[in-house]
Amino acid sequence: MSAVAGMRYYGAIFWLSLVTFAVPLVVAFKAFDAVRPTTKPTPNPDASGVDHALWDYLLKAHVENGQVDYDGMARDHLFRTYLRQIGSARPCDLATRDEQLAFYCNAYNALVINGVIIHRIKDSVMSYKHAGVGFFDAKEHLVAGKTVSLNDLEHKIIRPTFDDPRVHFSLVCGARGCPPIRPEAYCGRCLNLQLDDQASQFCNNPKSVAYDAPRGAVVLNPIVKWYADDWKARGGVLPWLAGRVDDAALRDALRRAAEGKAAVAYSDYDWALNSRDASPTTAGEAKSANFGSGTVPNQ
């Protein structure tokens, strides 16, 4: 074999060996990149002084299938950072209403989780009461420099200011009967899509909207009953739901119910804590709680 031929021969072996060695490394790197944990962000506040990337990270790290890892959230120092930002926030400095509503939705959900943590609730938020004041009426949450209750936040700020019934599928009251908490932060630029998606998931979840053929009735999550007034300007809740369900038979049943040609029933609301280790409430407990994510609306 000539020297030149030998060099070509060994050169080919070298390159073949290099490729054989490199391909598994590239495949392994891509596999690791797909499953690696979310990187903790460095706080980078917006015009209001809040960085919702922190909340986005916390949700991705401590929420799975709508269930919250409250212990993990409590141990994460970034949760404390985010709560401090909410407390000193200036939402009036945000440029758009969507940015402002995204702030309040994120704040509400974070403060519910914080309330569960600080009061060491393990079963249901409905079991908490101090000096005759329940979980949603306790004025213990600092938002934009003011101490408010969760009911203040929902019924005095979010609902009257933004007048969007889709928030009822986005504000999560710490109960399994609520729509599952979204595993990402709400943001102004994509808020409309996020709220639409939350509404679609609610409408197409048989636990929230269903048709009971033997009874001839549509069966709904009582959230839409408690807050039915919020849909009045939009033609009523039943037609609104019908416009968002995918199943043709269910859509027809909702339309017939809106015309009074089919019955409407409501499921029991499950107030068990939306944590990974909470036990379900009893049927009696669910029935005794006849209001939504706070006090009776509009009172």
C-alpha atoms as a PDB file:
ATOM      1  CA  MET A   1       0.000   0.000   0.000  1.00  0.00           C
ATOM      2  CA  SER A   2       1.403   3.404  -0.902  1.00  0.00           C
ATOM      3  CA  ALA A   3       1.888   6.094   1.735  1.00  0.00           C
ATOM      4  CA  VAL A   4      -0.781   8.288   0.135  1.00  0.00           C
ATOM      5  CA  ALA A   5      -3.251   5.412   0.007  1.00  0.00           C
ATOM      6  CA  GLY A   6      -2.490   4.601   3.647  1.00  0.00           C
ATOM      7  CA  MET A   7      -3.144   8.175   4.699  1.00  0.00           C
ATOM      8  CA  ARG A   8      -6.481   8.150   2.864  1.00  0.00           C
ATOM      9  CA  TYR A   9      -7.390   4.817   4.478  1.00  0.00           C
ATOM     10  CA  TYR A  10      -6.615   5.928   8.031  1.00  0.00           C
ATOM     11  CA  GLY A  11      -8.176   9.330   7.380  1.00  0.00           C
ATOM     12  CA  ALA A  12     -11.479   7.687   6.515  1.00  0.00           C
ATOM     13  CA  ILE A  13     -11.314   5.594   9.694  1.00  0.00           C
ATOM     14  CA  PHE A  14     -10.652   8.740  11.733  1.00  0.00           C
ATOM     15  CA  TRP A  15     -13.661  10.590  10.381  1.00  0.00           C
ATOM     16  CA  LEU A  16     -15.904   7.542  10.695  1.00  0.00           C
ATOM     17  CA  SER A  17     -14.806   7.112  14.332  1.00  0.00           C
ATOM     18  CA  LEU A  18     -15.403  10.795  15.049  1.00  0.00           C
ATOM     19  CA  VAL A  19     -18.937  10.674  13.658  1.00  0.00           C
ATOM     20  CA  THR A  20     -19.665   7.437  15.546  1.00  0.00           C
ATOM     21  CA  PHE A  21     -18.529   9.087  18.787  1.00  0.00           C
ATOM     22  CA  ALA A  22     -20.265  12.437  18.204  1.00  0.00           C
ATOM     23  CA  VAL A  23     -23.749  11.275  17.197  1.00  0.00           C
ATOM     24  CA  PRO A  24     -24.621   9.703  20.599  1.00  0.00           C
ATOM     25  CA  LEU A  25     -23.393  12.850  22.348  1.00  0.00           C
ATOM     26  CA  VAL A  26     -25.634  15.066  20.215  1.00  0.00           C
ATOM     27  CA  VAL A  27     -28.639  12.784  20.790  1.00  0.00           C
ATOM     28  CA  ALA A  28     -27.980  12.692  24.538  1.00  0.00           C
ATOM     29  CA  PHE A  29     -27.639  16.482  24.723  1.00  0.00           C
ATOM     30  CA  LYS A  30     -30.945  17.002  22.916  1.00  0.00           C
ATOM     31  CA  ALA A  31     -32.671  14.518  25.199  1.00  0.00           C
ATOM     32  CA  PHE A  32     -31.317  16.274  28.288  1.00  0.00           C
ATOM     33  CA  ASP A  33     -32.288  19.668  26.890  1.00  0.00           C
ATOM     34  CA  ALA A  34     -35.877  18.483  26.467  1.00  0.00           C
ATOM     35  CA  VAL A  35     -36.248  17.393  30.095  1.00  0.00           C
ATOM     36  CA  ARG A  36     -33.925  19.695  32.019  1.00  0.00           C
ATOM     37  CA  PRO A  37     -35.555  21.677  34.847  1.00  0.00           C
ATOM     38  CA  THR A  38     -36.766  25.205  34.215  1.00  0.00           C
ATOM     39  CA  THR A  39     -33.919  27.607  34.898  1.00  0.00           C
ATOM     40  CA  LYS A  40     -34.596  29.963  37.780  1.00  0.00           C
ATOM     41  CA  PRO A  41     -34.957  33.465  36.357  1.00  0.00           C
ATOM     42  CA  THR A  42     -33.182  36.556  37.569  1.00  0.00           C
ATOM     43  CA  PRO A  43     -35.829  39.126  38.583  1.00  0.00           C
ATOM     44  CA  ASN A  44     -36.459  41.633  35.796  1.00  0.00           C
ATOM     45  CA  PRO A  45     -39.492  43.749  36.797  1.00  0.00           C
ATOM     46  CA  ASP A  46     -41.850  45.416  34.318  1.00  0.00           C
ATOM     47  CA  ALA A  47     -43.216  48.976  34.547  1.00  0.00           C
ATOM     48  CA  SER A  48     -45.301  48.025  37.597  1.00  0.00           C
ATOM     49  CA  GLY A  49     -42.289  46.649  39.452  1.00  0.00           C
ATOM     50  CA  VAL A  50     -43.331  43.004  39.026  1.00  0.00           C
ATOM     51  CA  ASP A  51     -41.557  40.263  37.111  1.00  0.00           C
ATOM     52  CA  HIS A  52     -44.140  37.662  36.105  1.00  0.00           C
ATOM     53  CA  ALA A  53     -41.354  35.437  34.816  1.00  0.00           C
ATOM     54  CA  LEU A  54     -40.847  34.537  38.478  1.00  0.00           C
ATOM     55  CA  TRP A  55     -44.456  33.384  38.750  1.00  0.00           C
ATOM     56  CA  ASP A  56     -44.150  31.535  35.447  1.00  0.00           C
ATOM     57  CA  TYR A  57     -41.138  29.642  36.786  1.00  0.00           C
ATOM     58  CA  LEU A  58     -42.872  28.878  40.088  1.00  0.00           C
ATOM     59  CA  LEU A  59     -45.963  27.494  38.368  1.00  0.00           C
ATOM     60  CA  LYS A  60     -43.917  25.294  36.044  1.00  0.00           C
ATOM     61  CA  ALA A  61     -41.821  24.061  38.973  1.00  0.00           C
ATOM     62  CA  HIS A  62     -44.575  23.439  41.540  1.00  0.00           C
ATOM     63  CA  VAL A  63     -47.832  22.749  39.659  1.00  0.00           C
ATOM     64  CA  GLU A  64     -48.683  19.539  37.845  1.00  0.00           C
ATOM     65  CA  ASN A  65     -52.058  18.613  36.332  1.00  0.00           C
ATOM     66  CA  GLY A  66     -53.692  21.473  38.217  1.00  0.00           C
ATOM     67  CA  GLN A  67     -52.420  20.240  41.589  1.00  0.00           C
ATOM     68  CA  VAL A  68     -50.148  22.498  43.631  1.00  0.00           C
ATOM     69  CA  ASP A  69     -47.082  21.395  45.543  1.00  0.00           C
ATOM     70  CA  TYR A  70     -47.660  23.815  48.423  1.00  0.00           C
ATOM     71  CA  ASP A  71     -44.645  22.606  50.392  1.00  0.00           C
ATOM     72  CA  GLY A  72     -42.370  23.096  47.399  1.00  0.00           C
ATOM     73  CA  MET A  73     -43.779  26.556  46.770  1.00  0.00           C
ATOM     74  CA  ALA A  74     -43.264  27.494  50.426  1.00  0.00           C
ATOM     75  CA  ARG A  75     -39.591  26.480  50.274  1.00  0.00           C
ATOM     76  CA  ASP A  76     -38.852  28.418  47.098  1.00  0.00           C
ATOM     77  CA  HIS A  77     -37.358  31.815  47.955  1.00  0.00           C
ATOM     78  CA  LEU A  78     -38.523  33.213  44.607  1.00  0.00           C
ATOM     79  CA  PHE A  79     -42.121  32.902  45.823  1.00  0.00           C
ATOM     80  CA  ARG A  80     -41.314  35.350  48.631  1.00  0.00           C
ATOM     81  CA  THR A  81     -39.656  37.641  46.095  1.00  0.00           C
ATOM     82  CA  TYR A  82     -42.733  37.581  43.885  1.00  0.00           C
ATOM     83  CA  LEU A  83     -45.086  38.290  46.795  1.00  0.00           C
ATOM     84  CA  ARG A  84     -42.979  41.289  47.805  1.00  0.00           C
ATOM     85  CA  GLN A  85     -43.213  42.606  44.246  1.00  0.00           C
ATOM     86  CA  ILE A  86     -47.014  42.245  44.288  1.00  0.00           C
ATOM     87  CA  GLY A  87     -47.137  44.135  47.573  1.00  0.00           C
ATOM     88  CA  SER A  88     -45.271  47.147  46.245  1.00  0.00           C
ATOM     89  CA  ALA A  89     -46.536  46.983  42.647  1.00  0.00           C
ATOM     90  CA  ARG A  90     -47.809  49.955  40.640  1.00  0.00           C
ATOM     91  CA  PRO A  91     -50.324  48.375  38.228  1.00  0.00           C
ATOM     92  CA  CYS A  92     -51.513  51.848  37.202  1.00  0.00           C
ATOM     93  CA  ASP A  93     -48.139  52.273  35.458  1.00  0.00           C
ATOM     94  CA  LEU A  94     -48.861  49.394  33.083  1.00  0.00           C
ATOM     95  CA  ALA A  95     -49.624  50.507  29.541  1.00  0.00           C
ATOM     96  CA  THR A  96     -52.692  48.382  28.775  1.00  0.00           C
ATOM     97  CA  ARG A  97     -55.753  46.955  30.498  1.00  0.00           C
ATOM     98  CA  ASP A  98     -54.649  43.469  29.467  1.00  0.00           C
ATOM     99  CA  GLU A  99     -51.379  43.957  31.323  1.00  0.00           C
ATOM    100  CA  GLN A 100     -53.282  45.173  34.361  1.00  0.00           C
ATOM    101  CA  LEU A 101     -55.728  42.259  34.315  1.00  0.00           C
ATOM    102  CA  ALA A 102     -52.847  39.794  33.875  1.00  0.00           C
ATOM    103  CA  PHE A 103     -51.240  41.313  36.964  1.00  0.00           C
ATOM    104  CA  TYR A 104     -54.383  40.898  39.066  1.00  0.00           C
ATOM    105  CA  CYS A 105     -55.035  37.327  37.883  1.00  0.00           C
ATOM    106  CA  ASN A 106     -51.483  36.335  38.750  1.00  0.00           C
ATOM    107  CA  ALA A 107     -51.660  38.171  42.064  1.00  0.00           C
ATOM    108  CA  TYR A 108     -54.943  36.529  43.077  1.00  0.00           C
ATOM    109  CA  ASN A 109     -53.699  33.014  42.352  1.00  0.00           C
ATOM    110  CA  ALA A 110     -50.384  33.626  44.119  1.00  0.00           C
ATOM    111  CA  LEU A 111     -52.092  35.082  47.188  1.00  0.00           C
ATOM    112  CA  VAL A 112     -54.508  32.149  47.462  1.00  0.00           C
ATOM    113  CA  ILE A 113     -51.512  29.813  47.514  1.00  0.00           C
ATOM    114  CA  ASN A 114     -49.785  32.016  50.073  1.00  0.00           C
ATOM    115  CA  GLY A 115     -52.896  31.980  52.266  1.00  0.00           C
ATOM    116  CA  VAL A 116     -52.953  28.181  52.194  1.00  0.00           C
ATOM    117  CA  ILE A 117     -49.275  28.126  53.158  1.00  0.00           C
ATOM    118  CA  ILE A 118     -49.325  30.661  56.003  1.00  0.00           C
ATOM    119  CA  HIS A 119     -52.452  29.137  57.581  1.00  0.00           C
ATOM    120  CA  ARG A 120     -51.136  25.591  57.104  1.00  0.00           C
ATOM    121  CA  ILE A 121     -54.331  24.443  55.443  1.00  0.00           C
ATOM    122  CA  LYS A 122     -54.247  20.769  54.525  1.00  0.00           C
ATOM    123  CA  ASP A 123     -57.863  19.884  53.728  1.00  0.00           C
ATOM    124  CA  SER A 124     -59.949  22.817  52.461  1.00  0.00           C
ATOM    125  CA  VAL A 125     -59.841  26.609  52.482  1.00  0.00           C
ATOM    126  CA  MET A 126     -63.433  26.463  53.746  1.00  0.00           C
ATOM    127  CA  SER A 127     -62.204  24.992  57.020  1.00  0.00           C
ATOM    128  CA  TYR A 128     -60.256  28.151  57.898  1.00  0.00           C
ATOM    129  CA  LYS A 129     -61.826  30.783  60.112  1.00  0.00           C
ATOM    130  CA  HIS A 130     -60.233  33.200  62.555  1.00  0.00           C
ATOM    131  CA  ALA A 131     -62.272  35.475  64.819  1.00  0.00           C
ATOM    132  CA  GLY A 132     -65.299  34.727  62.687  1.00  0.00           C
ATOM    133  CA  VAL A 133     -63.565  35.731  59.449  1.00  0.00           C
ATOM    134  CA  GLY A 134     -63.170  33.186  56.665  1.00  0.00           C
ATOM    135  CA  PHE A 135     -60.331  32.571  54.246  1.00  0.00           C
ATOM    136  CA  PHE A 136     -61.592  34.896  51.513  1.00  0.00           C
ATOM    137  CA  ASP A 137     -62.608  37.765  53.817  1.00  0.00           C
ATOM    138  CA  ALA A 138     -59.393  38.036  55.812  1.00  0.00           C
ATOM    139  CA  LYS A 139     -57.702  41.362  55.057  1.00  0.00           C
ATOM    140  CA  GLU A 140     -54.170  40.038  55.115  1.00  0.00           C
ATOM    141  CA  HIS A 141     -52.831  40.400  51.574  1.00  0.00           C
ATOM    142  CA  LEU A 142     -50.640  43.298  50.459  1.00  0.00           C
ATOM    143  CA  VAL A 143     -51.367  44.354  46.867  1.00  0.00           C
ATOM    144  CA  ALA A 144     -50.049  47.577  45.363  1.00  0.00           C
ATOM    145  CA  GLY A 145     -49.422  49.073  48.795  1.00  0.00           C
ATOM    146  CA  LYS A 146     -52.892  48.264  50.181  1.00  0.00           C
ATOM    147  CA  THR A 147     -53.999  45.500  52.528  1.00  0.00           C
ATOM    148  CA  VAL A 148     -56.940  43.674  50.989  1.00  0.00           C
ATOM    149  CA  SER A 149     -58.869  40.435  51.211  1.00  0.00           C
ATOM    150  CA  LEU A 150     -59.188  37.965  48.361  1.00  0.00           C
ATOM    151  CA  ASN A 151     -62.837  39.009  48.062  1.00  0.00           C
ATOM    152  CA  ASP A 152     -61.769  42.657  47.753  1.00  0.00           C
ATOM    153  CA  LEU A 153     -59.409  41.690  44.975  1.00  0.00           C
ATOM    154  CA  GLU A 154     -61.973  39.673  43.046  1.00  0.00           C
ATOM    155  CA  HIS A 155     -65.267  41.464  43.655  1.00  0.00           C
ATOM    156  CA  LYS A 156     -64.143  45.078  44.115  1.00  0.00           C
ATOM    157  CA  ILE A 157     -61.290  45.251  41.600  1.00  0.00           C
ATOM    158  CA  ILE A 158     -61.159  42.446  39.034  1.00  0.00           C
ATOM    159  CA  ARG A 159     -64.847  41.850  38.232  1.00  0.00           C
ATOM    160  CA  PRO A 160     -66.134  45.444  38.177  1.00  0.00           C
ATOM    161  CA  THR A 161     -63.035  46.962  36.569  1.00  0.00           C
ATOM    162  CA  PHE A 162     -62.455  44.487  33.757  1.00  0.00           C
ATOM    163  CA  ASP A 163     -65.955  43.032  33.217  1.00  0.00           C
ATOM    164  CA  ASP A 164     -64.762  39.772  31.643  1.00  0.00           C
ATOM    165  CA  PRO A 165     -66.497  36.544  32.754  1.00  0.00           C
ATOM    166  CA  ARG A 166     -63.555  34.491  31.513  1.00  0.00           C
ATOM    167  CA  VAL A 167     -61.747  35.435  34.719  1.00  0.00           C
ATOM    168  CA  HIS A 168     -63.915  32.856  36.525  1.00  0.00           C
ATOM    169  CA  PHE A 169     -61.949  30.168  34.702  1.00  0.00           C
ATOM    170  CA  SER A 170     -58.636  31.827  35.553  1.00  0.00           C
ATOM    171  CA  LEU A 171     -58.962  32.788  39.234  1.00  0.00           C
ATOM    172  CA  VAL A 172     -58.292  29.653  41.253  1.00  0.00           C
ATOM    173  CA  CYS A 173     -59.632  29.553  44.805  1.00  0.00           C
ATOM    174  CA  GLY A 174     -57.526  26.642  46.041  1.00  0.00           C
ATOM    175  CA  ALA A 175     -60.256  24.047  45.502  1.00  0.00           C
ATOM    176  CA  ARG A 176     -60.495  21.066  43.194  1.00  0.00           C
ATOM    177  CA  GLY A 177     -63.870  22.320  42.047  1.00  0.00           C
ATOM    178  CA  CYS A 178     -62.151  25.335  40.484  1.00  0.00           C
ATOM    179  CA  PRO A 179     -60.797  25.170  36.950  1.00  0.00           C
ATOM    180  CA  PRO A 180     -57.221  23.855  37.190  1.00  0.00           C
ATOM    181  CA  ILE A 181     -54.612  26.532  37.768  1.00  0.00           C
ATOM    182  CA  ARG A 182     -52.860  27.394  34.525  1.00  0.00           C
ATOM    183  CA  PRO A 183     -49.230  26.220  34.593  1.00  0.00           C
ATOM    184  CA  GLU A 184     -47.920  29.519  33.274  1.00  0.00           C
ATOM    185  CA  ALA A 185     -48.190  33.167  34.204  1.00  0.00           C
ATOM    186  CA  TYR A 186     -50.746  35.393  32.533  1.00  0.00           C
ATOM    187  CA  CYS A 187     -49.183  38.123  30.407  1.00  0.00           C
ATOM    188  CA  GLY A 188     -50.633  41.180  28.748  1.00  0.00           C
ATOM    189  CA  ARG A 189     -49.555  40.436  25.198  1.00  0.00           C
ATOM    190  CA  CYS A 190     -51.141  36.973  25.168  1.00  0.00           C
ATOM    191  CA  LEU A 191     -53.901  37.398  27.760  1.00  0.00           C
ATOM    192  CA  ASN A 192     -56.833  37.130  25.354  1.00  0.00           C
ATOM    193  CA  LEU A 193     -55.568  33.812  23.997  1.00  0.00           C
ATOM    194  CA  GLN A 194     -54.901  32.533  27.516  1.00  0.00           C
ATOM    195  CA  LEU A 195     -58.378  33.468  28.765  1.00  0.00           C
ATOM    196  CA  ASP A 196     -59.974  31.940  25.680  1.00  0.00           C
ATOM    197  CA  ASP A 197     -58.021  28.746  26.273  1.00  0.00           C
ATOM    198  CA  GLN A 198     -59.073  28.628  29.924  1.00  0.00           C
ATOM    199  CA  ALA A 199     -62.706  29.049  28.880  1.00  0.00           C
ATOM    200  CA  SER A 200     -62.394  26.361  26.212  1.00  0.00           C
ATOM    201  CA  GLN A 201     -60.857  23.901  28.664  1.00  0.00           C
ATOM    202  CA  PHE A 202     -63.695  24.546  31.117  1.00  0.00           C
ATOM    203  CA  CYS A 203     -66.425  24.182  28.498  1.00  0.00           C
ATOM    204  CA  ASN A 204     -64.979  20.944  27.135  1.00  0.00           C
ATOM    205  CA  ASN A 205     -64.334  19.307  30.482  1.00  0.00           C
ATOM    206  CA  PRO A 206     -67.186  16.869  31.306  1.00  0.00           C
ATOM    207  CA  LYS A 207     -66.663  17.631  34.994  1.00  0.00           C
ATOM    208  CA  SER A 208     -67.711  21.224  34.291  1.00  0.00           C
ATOM    209  CA  VAL A 209     -70.167  21.013  31.392  1.00  0.00           C
ATOM    210  CA  ALA A 210     -71.991  17.799  30.510  1.00  0.00           C
ATOM    211  CA  TYR A 211     -75.297  16.389  29.316  1.00  0.00           C
ATOM    212  CA  ASP A 212     -77.098  13.774  31.410  1.00  0.00           C
ATOM    213  CA  ALA A 213     -79.271  12.027  28.818  1.00  0.00           C
ATOM    214  CA  PRO A 214     -81.365   9.930  31.265  1.00  0.00           C
ATOM    215  CA  ARG A 215     -82.305  13.093  33.163  1.00  0.00           C
ATOM    216  CA  GLY A 216     -82.563  15.187  30.037  1.00  0.00           C
ATOM    217  CA  ALA A 217     -80.488  17.876  31.729  1.00  0.00           C
ATOM    218  CA  VAL A 218     -77.262  19.737  31.186  1.00  0.00           C
ATOM    219  CA  VAL A 219     -75.087  19.502  34.306  1.00  0.00           C
ATOM    220  CA  LEU A 220     -72.856  22.471  35.032  1.00  0.00           C
ATOM    221  CA  ASN A 221     -70.188  23.524  37.478  1.00  0.00           C
ATOM    222  CA  PRO A 222     -72.008  25.870  39.921  1.00  0.00           C
ATOM    223  CA  ILE A 223     -69.473  28.636  39.215  1.00  0.00           C
ATOM    224  CA  VAL A 224     -71.576  29.666  36.222  1.00  0.00           C
ATOM    225  CA  LYS A 225     -74.677  29.823  38.422  1.00  0.00           C
ATOM    226  CA  TRP A 226     -73.044  31.875  41.169  1.00  0.00           C
ATOM    227  CA  TYR A 227     -71.766  34.436  38.659  1.00  0.00           C
ATOM    228  CA  ALA A 228     -74.523  34.222  36.034  1.00  0.00           C
ATOM    229  CA  ASP A 229     -74.992  38.008  36.142  1.00  0.00           C
ATOM    230  CA  ASP A 230     -71.536  38.442  34.609  1.00  0.00           C
ATOM    231  CA  TRP A 231     -72.823  36.837  31.387  1.00  0.00           C
ATOM    232  CA  LYS A 232     -76.067  38.838  31.073  1.00  0.00           C
ATOM    233  CA  ALA A 233     -74.557  41.428  28.744  1.00  0.00           C
ATOM    234  CA  ARG A 234     -73.258  38.595  26.564  1.00  0.00           C
ATOM    235  CA  GLY A 235     -76.578  36.908  25.913  1.00  0.00           C
ATOM    236  CA  GLY A 236     -76.569  34.661  28.969  1.00  0.00           C
ATOM    237  CA  VAL A 237     -74.284  31.922  30.183  1.00  0.00           C
ATOM    238  CA  LEU A 238     -75.947  28.974  28.380  1.00  0.00           C
ATOM    239  CA  PRO A 239     -75.593  30.364  24.824  1.00  0.00           C
ATOM    240  CA  TRP A 240     -72.095  31.534  25.734  1.00  0.00           C
ATOM    241  CA  LEU A 241     -71.114  28.011  26.800  1.00  0.00           C
ATOM    242  CA  ALA A 242     -72.796  26.526  23.720  1.00  0.00           C
ATOM    243  CA  GLY A 243     -70.606  28.665  21.506  1.00  0.00           C
ATOM    244  CA  ARG A 244     -67.490  27.135  23.013  1.00  0.00           C
ATOM    245  CA  VAL A 245     -68.167  23.409  23.363  1.00  0.00           C
ATOM    246  CA  ASP A 246     -66.838  21.068  20.704  1.00  0.00           C
ATOM    247  CA  ASP A 247     -69.358  18.250  21.098  1.00  0.00           C
ATOM    248  CA  ALA A 248     -72.355  18.803  18.806  1.00  0.00           C
ATOM    249  CA  ALA A 249     -74.839  16.943  21.040  1.00  0.00           C
ATOM    250  CA  LEU A 250     -73.781  18.913  24.111  1.00  0.00           C
ATOM    251  CA  ARG A 251     -73.930  22.157  22.153  1.00  0.00           C
ATOM    252  CA  ASP A 252     -77.487  21.361  21.067  1.00  0.00           C
ATOM    253  CA  ALA A 253     -78.486  20.496  24.649  1.00  0.00           C
ATOM    254  CA  LEU A 254     -77.141  23.818  25.923  1.00  0.00           C
ATOM    255  CA  ARG A 255     -79.074  25.702  23.275  1.00  0.00           C
ATOM    256  CA  ARG A 256     -82.265  23.813  24.139  1.00  0.00           C
ATOM    257  CA  ALA A 257     -81.657  24.583  27.811  1.00  0.00           C
ATOM    258  CA  ALA A 258     -81.298  28.269  26.949  1.00  0.00           C
ATOM    259  CA  GLU A 259     -84.728  28.059  25.279  1.00  0.00           C
ATOM    260  CA  GLY A 260     -86.237  26.313  28.298  1.00  0.00           C
ATOM    261  CA  LYS A 261     -86.562  23.000  26.434  1.00  0.00           C
ATOM    262  CA  ALA A 262     -84.038  21.105  28.571  1.00  0.00           C
ATOM    263  CA  ALA A 263     -83.392  21.122  32.294  1.00  0.00           C
ATOM    264  CA  VAL A 264     -80.308  22.597  33.964  1.00  0.00           C
ATOM    265  CA  ALA A 265     -78.674  20.965  36.987  1.00  0.00           C
ATOM    266  CA  TYR A 266     -75.541  21.785  38.918  1.00  0.00           C
ATOM    267  CA  SER A 267     -72.885  19.442  40.243  1.00  0.00           C
ATOM    268  CA  ASP A 268     -71.632  19.498  43.834  1.00  0.00           C
ATOM    269  CA  TYR A 269     -68.637  21.765  44.252  1.00  0.00           C
ATOM    270  CA  ASP A 270     -65.529  20.017  45.535  1.00  0.00           C
ATOM    271  CA  TRP A 271     -63.822  22.262  48.090  1.00  0.00           C
ATOM    272  CA  ALA A 272     -60.973  19.823  48.755  1.00  0.00           C
ATOM    273  CA  LEU A 273     -57.617  21.553  48.536  1.00  0.00           C
ATOM    274  CA  ASN A 274     -56.058  21.406  45.078  1.00  0.00           C
ATOM    275  CA  SER A 275     -52.867  19.874  46.428  1.00  0.00           C
ATOM    276  CA  ARG A 276     -51.274  16.559  45.582  1.00  0.00           C
ATOM    277  CA  ASP A 277     -52.045  15.021  48.956  1.00  0.00           C
ATOM    278  CA  ALA A 278     -55.414  16.504  49.994  1.00  0.00           C
ATOM    279  CA  SER A 279     -58.359  14.197  50.577  1.00  0.00           C
ATOM    280  CA  PRO A 280     -61.707  14.942  48.877  1.00  0.00           C
ATOM    281  CA  THR A 281     -64.417  16.725  50.823  1.00  0.00           C
ATOM    282  CA  THR A 282     -67.610  14.880  51.600  1.00  0.00           C
ATOM    283  CA  ALA A 283     -70.738  15.483  49.576  1.00  0.00           C
ATOM    284  CA  GLY A 284     -72.283  17.284  52.537  1.00  0.00           C
ATOM    285  CA  GLU A 285     -69.373  19.691  52.789  1.00  0.00           C
ATOM    286  CA  ALA A 286     -69.584  20.414  49.082  1.00  0.00           C
ATOM    287  CA  LYS A 287     -73.298  21.146  49.239  1.00  0.00           C
ATOM    288  CA  SER A 288     -72.967  23.408  52.271  1.00  0.00           C
ATOM    289  CA  ALA A 289     -70.717  25.782  50.366  1.00  0.00           C
ATOM    290  CA  ASN A 290     -73.134  27.583  48.070  1.00  0.00           C
ATOM    291  CA  PHE A 291     -70.865  30.271  46.726  1.00  0.00           C
ATOM    292  CA  GLY A 292     -67.906  30.596  44.418  1.00  0.00           C
ATOM    293  CA  SER A 293     -64.385  31.801  44.905  1.00  0.00           C
ATOM    294  CA  GLY A 294     -65.435  34.118  47.705  1.00  0.00           C
ATOM    295  CA  THR A 295     -68.658  35.537  49.119  1.00  0.00           C
ATOM    296  CA  VAL A 296     -71.933  35.611  47.220  1.00  0.00           C
ATOM    297  CA  PRO A 297     -71.247  37.916  44.261  1.00  0.00           C
ATOM    298  CA  ASN A 298     -72.684  41.414  44.059  1.00  0.00           C
ATOM    299  CA  GLN A 299     -73.320  41.674  47.801  1.00  0.00           C
END
